Amino acid sequence: MTVRVGLTGSIGMGKSTTAKLFSDEGCAVWDADAAVHRLYSQGGAAVDPMRDAFPNAVIDGRVDRSVLKQIIAEDPTALPRIEAIVHPLVARDRQAFLDSAQSDIVVFDIPLLFEGSGAAMMDAVVVVSAPADIQRARVMDRGTMTVDQFEHILSKQMPDSEKRARADFVVETTTIDAARTQVRAILDQIRKQKPDA
């Protein structure tokens, strides 16, 4: 039996790094953001339906995310229409990954796992967390957004404290070594609890 583990955490918490740690330990890791990127790329399954719904959003045969952001900002009905196109395609991509995975534990890296309905499909959920000052410093150090943009993203995400309360496991990412130790402990525990272990 394959164990499905949801991996989530707010912006700047170290989720991508933690996903790699799970991969390093032999888990197959599916990345929701990467799936959307594939769907939006040339030849991706979302390109034609998005062109039908939002012709301006498709440039050079791919969906342009910056144009989509502009459309969403200007049209309050746009986001649900986009989600209606993309979510089923993402779900299909996720299922295909699970069906082809060879590892006993498959990790699904989904930023908005709790905000959507993804948590219900998981056997366990891991929340990646760090103190608020470290989170802010990490995001600001990237140099890709302003403080206002960071605060706006945070306002749309479930608070870290709530995510931690709903998690089966929490990985603190203050240091890479500490995070690696926690990931290994989580995998040990999951494997011990597996019905066919």
N, C-alpha and C. Protein backbone atom coordinates (compact mmCIF):
# COMPACT_ATOMS: atom_id res chain seq x y z
N MET A 1 0.84 -1.20 0.00
CA MET A 1 0.00 0.00 0.00
C MET A 1 0.87 1.25 0.00
N THR A 2 0.56 2.17 -0.89
CA THR A 2 1.29 3.43 -0.94
C THR A 2 0.67 4.40 0.05
N VAL A 3 1.50 5.02 0.87
CA VAL A 3 1.04 6.02 1.83
C VAL A 3 1.12 7.39 1.18
N ARG A 4 0.03 8.13 1.24
CA ARG A 4 -0.03 9.48 0.64
C ARG A 4 0.18 10.51 1.75
N VAL A 5 1.23 11.29 1.61
CA VAL A 5 1.57 12.30 2.61
C VAL A 5 1.44 13.68 1.98
N GLY A 6 0.59 14.52 2.56
CA GLY A 6 0.48 15.90 2.11
C GLY A 6 1.52 16.75 2.80
N LEU A 7 2.21 17.58 2.02
CA LEU A 7 3.23 18.49 2.56
C LEU A 7 2.80 19.91 2.28
N THR A 8 2.68 20.72 3.32
CA THR A 8 2.23 22.09 3.11
C THR A 8 2.90 23.02 4.11
N GLY A 9 2.71 24.29 3.91
CA GLY A 9 3.32 25.31 4.77
C GLY A 9 3.21 26.66 4.08
N SER A 10 3.18 27.69 4.87
CA SER A 10 3.04 29.03 4.32
C SER A 10 4.31 29.48 3.60
N ILE A 11 4.20 30.58 2.89
CA ILE A 11 5.33 31.13 2.15
C ILE A 11 6.54 31.36 3.07
N GLY A 12 7.72 30.99 2.59
CA GLY A 12 8.95 31.25 3.33
C GLY A 12 9.23 30.30 4.49
N MET A 13 8.46 29.22 4.59
CA MET A 13 8.63 28.29 5.71
C MET A 13 9.67 27.19 5.43
N GLY A 14 10.07 27.05 4.17
CA GLY A 14 11.06 26.03 3.84
C GLY A 14 10.45 24.76 3.26
N LYS A 15 9.30 24.91 2.61
CA LYS A 15 8.60 23.73 2.09
C LYS A 15 9.35 23.05 0.95
N SER A 16 9.90 23.85 0.03
CA SER A 16 10.63 23.26 -1.10
C SER A 16 11.86 22.49 -0.61
N THR A 17 12.55 23.06 0.36
CA THR A 17 13.72 22.39 0.94
C THR A 17 13.30 21.09 1.61
N THR A 18 12.19 21.13 2.33
CA THR A 18 11.71 19.93 3.02
C THR A 18 11.25 18.87 2.02
N ALA A 19 10.63 19.30 0.93
CA ALA A 19 10.23 18.35 -0.12
C ALA A 19 11.45 17.62 -0.66
N LYS A 20 12.55 18.35 -0.84
CA LYS A 20 13.78 17.72 -1.33
C LYS A 20 14.32 16.73 -0.30
N LEU A 21 14.18 17.03 0.98
CA LEU A 21 14.64 16.10 2.02
C LEU A 21 13.85 14.79 1.94
N PHE A 22 12.55 14.88 1.69
CA PHE A 22 11.74 13.66 1.53
C PHE A 22 12.20 12.89 0.29
N SER A 23 12.47 13.62 -0.78
CA SER A 23 12.97 12.99 -2.00
C SER A 23 14.31 12.30 -1.74
N ASP A 24 15.18 12.96 -1.01
CA ASP A 24 16.49 12.39 -0.68
C ASP A 24 16.36 11.08 0.10
N GLU A 25 15.25 10.94 0.83
CA GLU A 25 15.02 9.72 1.63
C GLU A 25 14.26 8.65 0.82
N GLY A 26 14.11 8.86 -0.46
CA GLY A 26 13.52 7.83 -1.32
C GLY A 26 12.04 7.97 -1.61
N CYS A 27 11.42 9.05 -1.17
CA CYS A 27 10.00 9.26 -1.45
C CYS A 27 9.82 9.86 -2.84
N ALA A 28 8.74 9.46 -3.52
CA ALA A 28 8.35 10.15 -4.74
C ALA A 28 7.65 11.43 -4.32
N VAL A 29 8.00 12.55 -4.95
CA VAL A 29 7.43 13.84 -4.56
C VAL A 29 6.75 14.49 -5.76
N TRP A 30 5.47 14.78 -5.60
CA TRP A 30 4.69 15.49 -6.62
C TRP A 30 4.53 16.94 -6.17
N ASP A 31 4.81 17.87 -7.08
CA ASP A 31 4.81 19.30 -6.77
C ASP A 31 3.64 19.97 -7.50
N ALA A 32 2.69 20.51 -6.75
CA ALA A 32 1.50 21.13 -7.35
C ALA A 32 1.87 22.30 -8.26
N ASP A 33 2.81 23.14 -7.81
CA ASP A 33 3.21 24.29 -8.63
C ASP A 33 3.84 23.84 -9.95
N ALA A 34 4.66 22.80 -9.88
CA ALA A 34 5.30 22.27 -11.09
C ALA A 34 4.26 21.68 -12.03
N ALA A 35 3.22 21.06 -11.46
CA ALA A 35 2.15 20.49 -12.29
C ALA A 35 1.43 21.60 -13.06
N VAL A 36 1.13 22.70 -12.38
CA VAL A 36 0.47 23.83 -13.05
C VAL A 36 1.38 24.39 -14.14
N HIS A 37 2.67 24.47 -13.84
CA HIS A 37 3.63 24.97 -14.83
C HIS A 37 3.60 24.08 -16.09
N ARG A 38 3.56 22.76 -15.89
CA ARG A 38 3.49 21.84 -17.03
C ARG A 38 2.20 22.06 -17.83
N LEU A 39 1.10 22.21 -17.11
CA LEU A 39 -0.20 22.40 -17.77
C LEU A 39 -0.26 23.69 -18.57
N TYR A 40 0.46 24.73 -18.10
CA TYR A 40 0.46 26.03 -18.75
C TYR A 40 1.51 26.15 -19.86
N SER A 41 2.47 25.21 -19.91
CA SER A 41 3.54 25.27 -20.90
C SER A 41 3.02 24.90 -22.28
N GLN A 42 3.85 25.14 -23.31
CA GLN A 42 3.46 24.77 -24.68
C GLN A 42 3.09 23.29 -24.72
N GLY A 43 1.93 23.01 -25.31
CA GLY A 43 1.47 21.63 -25.39
C GLY A 43 0.79 21.14 -24.13
N GLY A 44 0.75 21.97 -23.09
CA GLY A 44 0.11 21.58 -21.83
C GLY A 44 -1.40 21.48 -21.97
N ALA A 45 -1.99 20.63 -21.14
CA ALA A 45 -3.43 20.34 -21.25
C ALA A 45 -4.32 21.55 -20.95
N ALA A 46 -3.78 22.56 -20.25
CA ALA A 46 -4.61 23.72 -19.90
C ALA A 46 -4.60 24.80 -20.98
N VAL A 47 -3.69 24.71 -21.94
CA VAL A 47 -3.51 25.82 -22.89
C VAL A 47 -4.78 26.06 -23.73
N ASP A 48 -5.31 25.01 -24.35
CA ASP A 48 -6.48 25.20 -25.23
C ASP A 48 -7.72 25.66 -24.46
N PRO A 49 -8.09 25.00 -23.35
CA PRO A 49 -9.26 25.51 -22.62
C PRO A 49 -9.08 26.91 -22.07
N MET A 50 -7.84 27.26 -21.69
CA MET A 50 -7.60 28.63 -21.20
C MET A 50 -7.70 29.63 -22.36
N ARG A 51 -7.25 29.23 -23.54
CA ARG A 51 -7.35 30.11 -24.71
C ARG A 51 -8.82 30.37 -25.03
N ASP A 52 -9.66 29.34 -24.90
CA ASP A 52 -11.09 29.50 -25.16
C ASP A 52 -11.72 30.48 -24.17
N ALA A 53 -11.31 30.37 -22.90
CA ALA A 53 -11.92 31.21 -21.86
C ALA A 53 -11.29 32.60 -21.77
N PHE A 54 -9.96 32.66 -21.94
CA PHE A 54 -9.22 33.93 -21.79
C PHE A 54 -8.19 34.03 -22.92
N PRO A 55 -8.63 34.41 -24.11
CA PRO A 55 -7.72 34.43 -25.28
C PRO A 55 -6.44 35.24 -25.05
N ASN A 56 -6.54 36.35 -24.30
CA ASN A 56 -5.37 37.21 -24.08
C ASN A 56 -4.31 36.55 -23.21
N ALA A 57 -4.70 35.52 -22.45
CA ALA A 57 -3.77 34.90 -21.49
C ALA A 57 -2.80 33.93 -22.15
N VAL A 58 -3.07 33.54 -23.39
CA VAL A 58 -2.18 32.60 -24.07
C VAL A 58 -1.30 33.36 -25.06
N ILE A 59 0.01 33.30 -24.79
CA ILE A 59 1.00 33.99 -25.62
C ILE A 59 2.06 32.98 -26.03
N ASP A 60 2.35 32.93 -27.34
CA ASP A 60 3.34 31.98 -27.87
C ASP A 60 3.05 30.54 -27.46
N GLY A 61 1.76 30.19 -27.43
CA GLY A 61 1.39 28.81 -27.18
C GLY A 61 1.44 28.36 -25.74
N ARG A 62 1.59 29.32 -24.83
CA ARG A 62 1.59 28.95 -23.41
C ARG A 62 0.77 29.97 -22.63
N VAL A 63 0.31 29.56 -21.46
CA VAL A 63 -0.46 30.47 -20.61
C VAL A 63 0.51 31.37 -19.86
N ASP A 64 0.31 32.67 -19.99
CA ASP A 64 1.18 33.66 -19.34
C ASP A 64 0.60 34.00 -17.96
N ARG A 65 1.31 33.63 -16.92
CA ARG A 65 0.80 33.82 -15.56
C ARG A 65 0.66 35.30 -15.19
N SER A 66 1.55 36.15 -15.71
CA SER A 66 1.46 37.57 -15.38
C SER A 66 0.19 38.18 -15.98
N VAL A 67 -0.19 37.72 -17.18
CA VAL A 67 -1.44 38.19 -17.79
C VAL A 67 -2.63 37.66 -16.99
N LEU A 68 -2.54 36.40 -16.54
CA LEU A 68 -3.62 35.83 -15.72
C LEU A 68 -3.83 36.65 -14.45
N LYS A 69 -2.73 37.02 -13.80
CA LYS A 69 -2.83 37.82 -12.57
C LYS A 69 -3.58 39.12 -12.83
N GLN A 70 -3.27 39.74 -13.96
CA GLN A 70 -3.92 41.00 -14.34
C GLN A 70 -5.42 40.78 -14.57
N ILE A 71 -5.75 39.68 -15.25
CA ILE A 71 -7.15 39.36 -15.53
C ILE A 71 -7.91 39.14 -14.21
N ILE A 72 -7.28 38.40 -13.29
CA ILE A 72 -7.90 38.11 -11.99
C ILE A 72 -8.13 39.40 -11.21
N ALA A 73 -7.15 40.31 -11.28
CA ALA A 73 -7.27 41.59 -10.56
C ALA A 73 -8.41 42.45 -11.10
N GLU A 74 -8.66 42.34 -12.41
CA GLU A 74 -9.66 43.20 -13.05
C GLU A 74 -11.06 42.57 -13.10
N ASP A 75 -11.13 41.24 -13.02
CA ASP A 75 -12.42 40.56 -13.19
C ASP A 75 -12.66 39.59 -12.02
N PRO A 76 -13.59 39.94 -11.14
CA PRO A 76 -13.83 39.09 -9.96
C PRO A 76 -14.36 37.70 -10.30
N THR A 77 -14.88 37.52 -11.52
CA THR A 77 -15.39 36.19 -11.90
C THR A 77 -14.31 35.30 -12.51
N ALA A 78 -13.14 35.88 -12.75
CA ALA A 78 -12.10 35.14 -13.48
C ALA A 78 -11.53 33.96 -12.69
N LEU A 79 -11.20 34.19 -11.41
CA LEU A 79 -10.53 33.14 -10.64
C LEU A 79 -11.33 31.84 -10.57
N PRO A 80 -12.62 31.89 -10.23
CA PRO A 80 -13.37 30.63 -10.21
C PRO A 80 -13.42 29.94 -11.57
N ARG A 81 -13.45 30.73 -12.64
CA ARG A 81 -13.46 30.13 -13.99
C ARG A 81 -12.12 29.47 -14.29
N ILE A 82 -11.04 30.11 -13.88
CA ILE A 82 -9.71 29.52 -14.07
C ILE A 82 -9.59 28.23 -13.26
N GLU A 83 -10.04 28.29 -12.01
CA GLU A 83 -9.94 27.11 -11.14
C GLU A 83 -10.77 25.95 -11.70
N ALA A 84 -11.92 26.26 -12.29
CA ALA A 84 -12.77 25.22 -12.87
C ALA A 84 -12.07 24.50 -14.02
N ILE A 85 -11.20 25.22 -14.72
CA ILE A 85 -10.42 24.62 -15.81
C ILE A 85 -9.22 23.85 -15.26
N VAL A 86 -8.48 24.49 -14.36
CA VAL A 86 -7.18 23.96 -13.94
C VAL A 86 -7.27 22.86 -12.88
N HIS A 87 -8.17 23.01 -11.91
CA HIS A 87 -8.20 22.03 -10.81
C HIS A 87 -8.42 20.59 -11.26
N PRO A 88 -9.37 20.32 -12.18
CA PRO A 88 -9.52 18.93 -12.62
C PRO A 88 -8.27 18.40 -13.34
N LEU A 89 -7.60 19.26 -14.08
CA LEU A 89 -6.38 18.85 -14.79
C LEU A 89 -5.26 18.55 -13.80
N VAL A 90 -5.15 19.36 -12.76
CA VAL A 90 -4.15 19.14 -11.71
C VAL A 90 -4.45 17.82 -10.99
N ALA A 91 -5.73 17.58 -10.70
CA ALA A 91 -6.12 16.34 -10.02
C ALA A 91 -5.77 15.13 -10.87
N ARG A 92 -5.96 15.24 -12.18
CA ARG A 92 -5.62 14.13 -13.08
C ARG A 92 -4.11 13.90 -13.09
N ASP A 93 -3.34 14.99 -13.12
CA ASP A 93 -1.88 14.90 -13.10
C ASP A 93 -1.40 14.23 -11.80
N ARG A 94 -2.02 14.63 -10.70
CA ARG A 94 -1.66 14.07 -9.38
C ARG A 94 -1.96 12.57 -9.32
N GLN A 95 -3.11 12.18 -9.84
CA GLN A 95 -3.49 10.76 -9.82
C GLN A 95 -2.57 9.93 -10.71
N ALA A 96 -2.21 10.48 -11.86
CA ALA A 96 -1.30 9.77 -12.77
C ALA A 96 0.06 9.56 -12.11
N PHE A 97 0.50 10.57 -11.37
CA PHE A 97 1.78 10.46 -10.64
C PHE A 97 1.69 9.37 -9.59
N LEU A 98 0.60 9.36 -8.84
CA LEU A 98 0.42 8.35 -7.79
C LEU A 98 0.38 6.95 -8.39
N ASP A 99 -0.33 6.81 -9.51
CA ASP A 99 -0.47 5.50 -10.16
C ASP A 99 0.88 4.95 -10.64
N SER A 100 1.78 5.86 -11.02
CA SER A 100 3.06 5.41 -11.59
C SER A 100 4.20 5.39 -10.56
N ALA A 101 3.94 5.90 -9.35
CA ALA A 101 4.99 5.99 -8.33
C ALA A 101 5.46 4.61 -7.87
N GLN A 102 6.75 4.48 -7.69
CA GLN A 102 7.33 3.20 -7.27
C GLN A 102 7.62 3.15 -5.77
N SER A 103 7.61 4.30 -5.09
CA SER A 103 8.00 4.32 -3.68
C SER A 103 6.82 4.00 -2.77
N ASP A 104 7.14 3.55 -1.54
CA ASP A 104 6.09 3.17 -0.59
C ASP A 104 5.38 4.39 -0.01
N ILE A 105 6.07 5.54 -0.04
CA ILE A 105 5.49 6.79 0.46
C ILE A 105 5.57 7.84 -0.65
N VAL A 106 4.42 8.42 -0.98
CA VAL A 106 4.38 9.48 -1.99
C VAL A 106 4.02 10.79 -1.29
N VAL A 107 4.84 11.81 -1.51
CA VAL A 107 4.64 13.11 -0.88
C VAL A 107 4.04 14.07 -1.90
N PHE A 108 2.96 14.72 -1.50
CA PHE A 108 2.30 15.69 -2.37
C PHE A 108 2.54 17.09 -1.82
N ASP A 109 3.39 17.84 -2.51
CA ASP A 109 3.77 19.20 -2.11
C ASP A 109 2.69 20.15 -2.63
N ILE A 110 1.79 20.58 -1.72
CA ILE A 110 0.63 21.39 -2.11
C ILE A 110 0.55 22.61 -1.19
N PRO A 111 0.90 23.81 -1.69
CA PRO A 111 0.92 25.00 -0.83
C PRO A 111 -0.40 25.26 -0.12
N LEU A 112 -1.52 25.11 -0.83
CA LEU A 112 -2.83 25.43 -0.24
C LEU A 112 -3.61 24.15 0.09
N LEU A 113 -2.93 23.20 0.70
CA LEU A 113 -3.54 21.90 1.00
C LEU A 113 -4.77 22.03 1.89
N PHE A 114 -4.65 22.82 2.97
CA PHE A 114 -5.77 22.99 3.89
C PHE A 114 -6.82 23.95 3.33
N GLU A 115 -6.36 24.95 2.57
CA GLU A 115 -7.29 25.94 2.03
C GLU A 115 -8.22 25.30 0.99
N GLY A 116 -7.72 24.27 0.31
CA GLY A 116 -8.55 23.51 -0.63
C GLY A 116 -9.08 22.26 0.07
N SER A 117 -9.35 21.22 -0.72
CA SER A 117 -9.89 19.99 -0.14
C SER A 117 -8.88 18.85 -0.15
N GLY A 118 -7.62 19.19 -0.42
CA GLY A 118 -6.59 18.16 -0.60
C GLY A 118 -6.29 17.33 0.63
N ALA A 119 -6.41 17.92 1.81
CA ALA A 119 -6.03 17.20 3.03
C ALA A 119 -6.85 15.93 3.22
N ALA A 120 -8.10 15.94 2.77
CA ALA A 120 -8.98 14.78 2.94
C ALA A 120 -8.49 13.56 2.16
N MET A 121 -7.67 13.79 1.13
CA MET A 121 -7.18 12.69 0.30
C MET A 121 -5.87 12.10 0.82
N MET A 122 -5.34 12.65 1.88
CA MET A 122 -4.04 12.23 2.38
C MET A 122 -4.16 11.29 3.58
N ASP A 123 -3.18 10.40 3.71
CA ASP A 123 -3.11 9.52 4.88
C ASP A 123 -2.48 10.24 6.06
N ALA A 124 -1.65 11.23 5.78
CA ALA A 124 -1.01 12.04 6.82
C ALA A 124 -0.65 13.39 6.22
N VAL A 125 -0.60 14.41 7.07
CA VAL A 125 -0.23 15.75 6.61
C VAL A 125 0.96 16.27 7.42
N VAL A 126 1.97 16.76 6.71
CA VAL A 126 3.15 17.36 7.32
C VAL A 126 3.11 18.86 7.05
N VAL A 127 3.20 19.64 8.11
CA VAL A 127 3.26 21.10 7.96
C VAL A 127 4.70 21.55 8.24
N VAL A 128 5.21 22.37 7.32
CA VAL A 128 6.55 22.93 7.46
C VAL A 128 6.41 24.30 8.11
N SER A 129 7.21 24.56 9.12
CA SER A 129 7.03 25.78 9.90
C SER A 129 8.37 26.36 10.33
N ALA A 130 8.35 27.65 10.65
CA ALA A 130 9.52 28.35 11.18
C ALA A 130 9.00 29.59 11.91
N PRO A 131 9.78 30.14 12.83
CA PRO A 131 9.35 31.36 13.51
C PRO A 131 9.06 32.48 12.50
N ALA A 132 8.12 33.36 12.85
CA ALA A 132 7.66 34.41 11.94
C ALA A 132 8.79 35.32 11.46
N ASP A 133 9.76 35.61 12.35
CA ASP A 133 10.86 36.50 11.93
C ASP A 133 11.75 35.83 10.88
N ILE A 134 11.95 34.52 11.02
CA ILE A 134 12.76 33.79 10.02
C ILE A 134 12.00 33.71 8.71
N GLN A 135 10.70 33.44 8.79
CA GLN A 135 9.86 33.39 7.60
C GLN A 135 9.95 34.70 6.82
N ARG A 136 9.74 35.82 7.51
CA ARG A 136 9.78 37.13 6.85
C ARG A 136 11.16 37.40 6.24
N ALA A 137 12.21 37.10 6.99
CA ALA A 137 13.57 37.35 6.50
C ALA A 137 13.85 36.53 5.23
N ARG A 138 13.41 35.28 5.22
CA ARG A 138 13.63 34.44 4.04
C ARG A 138 12.95 35.02 2.81
N VAL A 139 11.71 35.43 2.97
CA VAL A 139 10.96 35.96 1.83
C VAL A 139 11.57 37.27 1.35
N MET A 140 11.90 38.15 2.28
CA MET A 140 12.48 39.44 1.90
C MET A 140 13.86 39.27 1.26
N ASP A 141 14.62 38.27 1.71
CA ASP A 141 15.96 38.03 1.16
C ASP A 141 15.91 37.57 -0.30
N ARG A 142 14.77 37.03 -0.71
CA ARG A 142 14.64 36.60 -2.12
C ARG A 142 14.67 37.80 -3.06
N GLY A 143 14.21 38.96 -2.56
CA GLY A 143 14.20 40.16 -3.38
C GLY A 143 13.17 40.14 -4.50
N THR A 144 12.14 39.30 -4.35
CA THR A 144 11.16 39.18 -5.43
C THR A 144 9.82 39.84 -5.10
N MET A 145 9.66 40.32 -3.85
CA MET A 145 8.40 40.97 -3.51
C MET A 145 8.60 42.00 -2.42
N THR A 146 7.62 42.89 -2.33
CA THR A 146 7.65 43.92 -1.30
C THR A 146 7.03 43.37 -0.02
N VAL A 147 7.18 44.11 1.07
CA VAL A 147 6.56 43.73 2.34
C VAL A 147 5.05 43.67 2.17
N ASP A 148 4.48 44.64 1.44
CA ASP A 148 3.03 44.65 1.21
C ASP A 148 2.57 43.40 0.47
N GLN A 149 3.33 42.98 -0.53
CA GLN A 149 2.98 41.78 -1.28
C GLN A 149 3.05 40.54 -0.38
N PHE A 150 4.08 40.50 0.44
CA PHE A 150 4.25 39.39 1.39
C PHE A 150 3.06 39.33 2.35
N GLU A 151 2.69 40.47 2.90
CA GLU A 151 1.56 40.53 3.84
C GLU A 151 0.25 40.12 3.14
N HIS A 152 0.11 40.51 1.88
CA HIS A 152 -1.10 40.16 1.11
C HIS A 152 -1.18 38.64 0.94
N ILE A 153 -0.07 38.01 0.59
CA ILE A 153 -0.05 36.55 0.42
C ILE A 153 -0.37 35.87 1.74
N LEU A 154 0.25 36.35 2.81
CA LEU A 154 -0.02 35.78 4.14
C LEU A 154 -1.50 35.87 4.49
N SER A 155 -2.12 36.98 4.14
CA SER A 155 -3.54 37.18 4.49
C SER A 155 -4.45 36.19 3.78
N LYS A 156 -3.98 35.63 2.66
CA LYS A 156 -4.79 34.67 1.90
C LYS A 156 -4.52 33.23 2.35
N GLN A 157 -3.47 33.03 3.15
CA GLN A 157 -3.13 31.69 3.61
C GLN A 157 -3.64 31.46 5.03
N MET A 158 -3.97 30.22 5.32
CA MET A 158 -4.36 29.85 6.68
C MET A 158 -3.20 30.16 7.62
N PRO A 159 -3.47 30.74 8.81
CA PRO A 159 -2.38 31.05 9.75
C PRO A 159 -1.55 29.81 10.10
N ASP A 160 -0.27 30.02 10.28
CA ASP A 160 0.65 28.92 10.60
C ASP A 160 0.18 28.15 11.83
N SER A 161 -0.30 28.87 12.84
CA SER A 161 -0.73 28.20 14.08
C SER A 161 -1.87 27.22 13.81
N GLU A 162 -2.76 27.59 12.91
CA GLU A 162 -3.89 26.72 12.58
C GLU A 162 -3.42 25.50 11.78
N LYS A 163 -2.49 25.74 10.85
CA LYS A 163 -1.93 24.63 10.08
C LYS A 163 -1.25 23.63 11.01
N ARG A 164 -0.46 24.16 11.94
CA ARG A 164 0.24 23.28 12.88
C ARG A 164 -0.75 22.46 13.70
N ALA A 165 -1.85 23.08 14.10
CA ALA A 165 -2.85 22.39 14.91
C ALA A 165 -3.54 21.26 14.14
N ARG A 166 -3.65 21.44 12.83
CA ARG A 166 -4.34 20.44 12.01
C ARG A 166 -3.40 19.37 11.46
N ALA A 167 -2.10 19.56 11.62
CA ALA A 167 -1.12 18.64 11.04
C ALA A 167 -0.98 17.36 11.84
N ASP A 168 -0.58 16.29 11.16
CA ASP A 168 -0.19 15.06 11.84
C ASP A 168 1.26 15.16 12.31
N PHE A 169 2.06 15.90 11.52
CA PHE A 169 3.48 16.10 11.84
C PHE A 169 3.86 17.54 11.51
N VAL A 170 4.81 18.08 12.25
CA VAL A 170 5.34 19.42 11.97
C VAL A 170 6.86 19.30 11.82
N VAL A 171 7.39 19.91 10.75
CA VAL A 171 8.84 19.98 10.55
C VAL A 171 9.27 21.43 10.77
N GLU A 172 10.10 21.64 11.78
CA GLU A 172 10.66 22.97 12.05
C GLU A 172 11.90 23.13 11.19
N THR A 173 11.95 24.21 10.40
CA THR A 173 13.04 24.37 9.44
C THR A 173 14.04 25.46 9.84
N THR A 174 14.31 25.56 11.13
CA THR A 174 15.29 26.56 11.56
C THR A 174 16.68 26.24 11.04
N THR A 175 17.02 24.93 10.97
CA THR A 175 18.28 24.51 10.32
C THR A 175 17.99 23.30 9.44
N ILE A 176 18.81 23.12 8.41
CA ILE A 176 18.62 22.00 7.48
C ILE A 176 18.84 20.67 8.18
N ASP A 177 19.81 20.62 9.09
CA ASP A 177 20.10 19.35 9.78
C ASP A 177 18.94 18.95 10.68
N ALA A 178 18.36 19.93 11.37
CA ALA A 178 17.21 19.64 12.23
C ALA A 178 16.03 19.17 11.39
N ALA A 179 15.81 19.81 10.25
CA ALA A 179 14.70 19.42 9.37
C ALA A 179 14.91 18.00 8.85
N ARG A 180 16.15 17.67 8.46
CA ARG A 180 16.44 16.33 7.94
C ARG A 180 16.16 15.27 9.02
N THR A 181 16.57 15.54 10.24
CA THR A 181 16.34 14.60 11.35
C THR A 181 14.85 14.38 11.56
N GLN A 182 14.07 15.46 11.49
CA GLN A 182 12.62 15.36 11.67
C GLN A 182 11.96 14.58 10.53
N VAL A 183 12.41 14.82 9.30
CA VAL A 183 11.86 14.10 8.15
C VAL A 183 12.12 12.60 8.31
N ARG A 184 13.33 12.24 8.71
CA ARG A 184 13.64 10.81 8.89
C ARG A 184 12.80 10.19 9.98
N ALA A 185 12.57 10.93 11.07
CA ALA A 185 11.74 10.42 12.18
C ALA A 185 10.29 10.22 11.72
N ILE A 186 9.79 11.16 10.91
CA ILE A 186 8.41 11.06 10.40
C ILE A 186 8.28 9.82 9.51
N LEU A 187 9.25 9.62 8.63
CA LEU A 187 9.20 8.46 7.72
C LEU A 187 9.29 7.16 8.51
N ASP A 188 10.12 7.12 9.53
CA ASP A 188 10.22 5.93 10.39
C ASP A 188 8.87 5.63 11.02
N GLN A 189 8.24 6.66 11.54
CA GLN A 189 6.95 6.47 12.21
C GLN A 189 5.87 6.01 11.24
N ILE A 190 5.83 6.63 10.06
CA ILE A 190 4.83 6.25 9.05
C ILE A 190 5.05 4.79 8.64
N ARG A 191 6.29 4.42 8.41
CA ARG A 191 6.57 3.04 7.95
C ARG A 191 6.24 2.02 9.04
N LYS A 192 6.44 2.38 10.29
CA LYS A 192 6.09 1.46 11.38
C LYS A 192 4.59 1.26 11.49
N GLN A 193 3.82 2.29 11.12
CA GLN A 193 2.36 2.24 11.25
C GLN A 193 1.67 1.66 10.03
N LYS A 194 2.43 1.46 8.93
CA LYS A 194 1.81 0.95 7.71
C LYS A 194 1.22 -0.44 7.94
N PRO A 195 0.03 -0.71 7.40
CA PRO A 195 -0.61 -2.01 7.60
C PRO A 195 0.23 -3.17 7.07
N ASP A 196 0.93 -2.95 5.96
CA ASP A 196 1.70 -4.06 5.37
C ASP A 196 3.18 -3.98 5.70
N ALA A 197 3.52 -3.19 6.76
CA ALA A 197 4.94 -3.06 7.13
C ALA A 197 5.45 -4.36 7.72
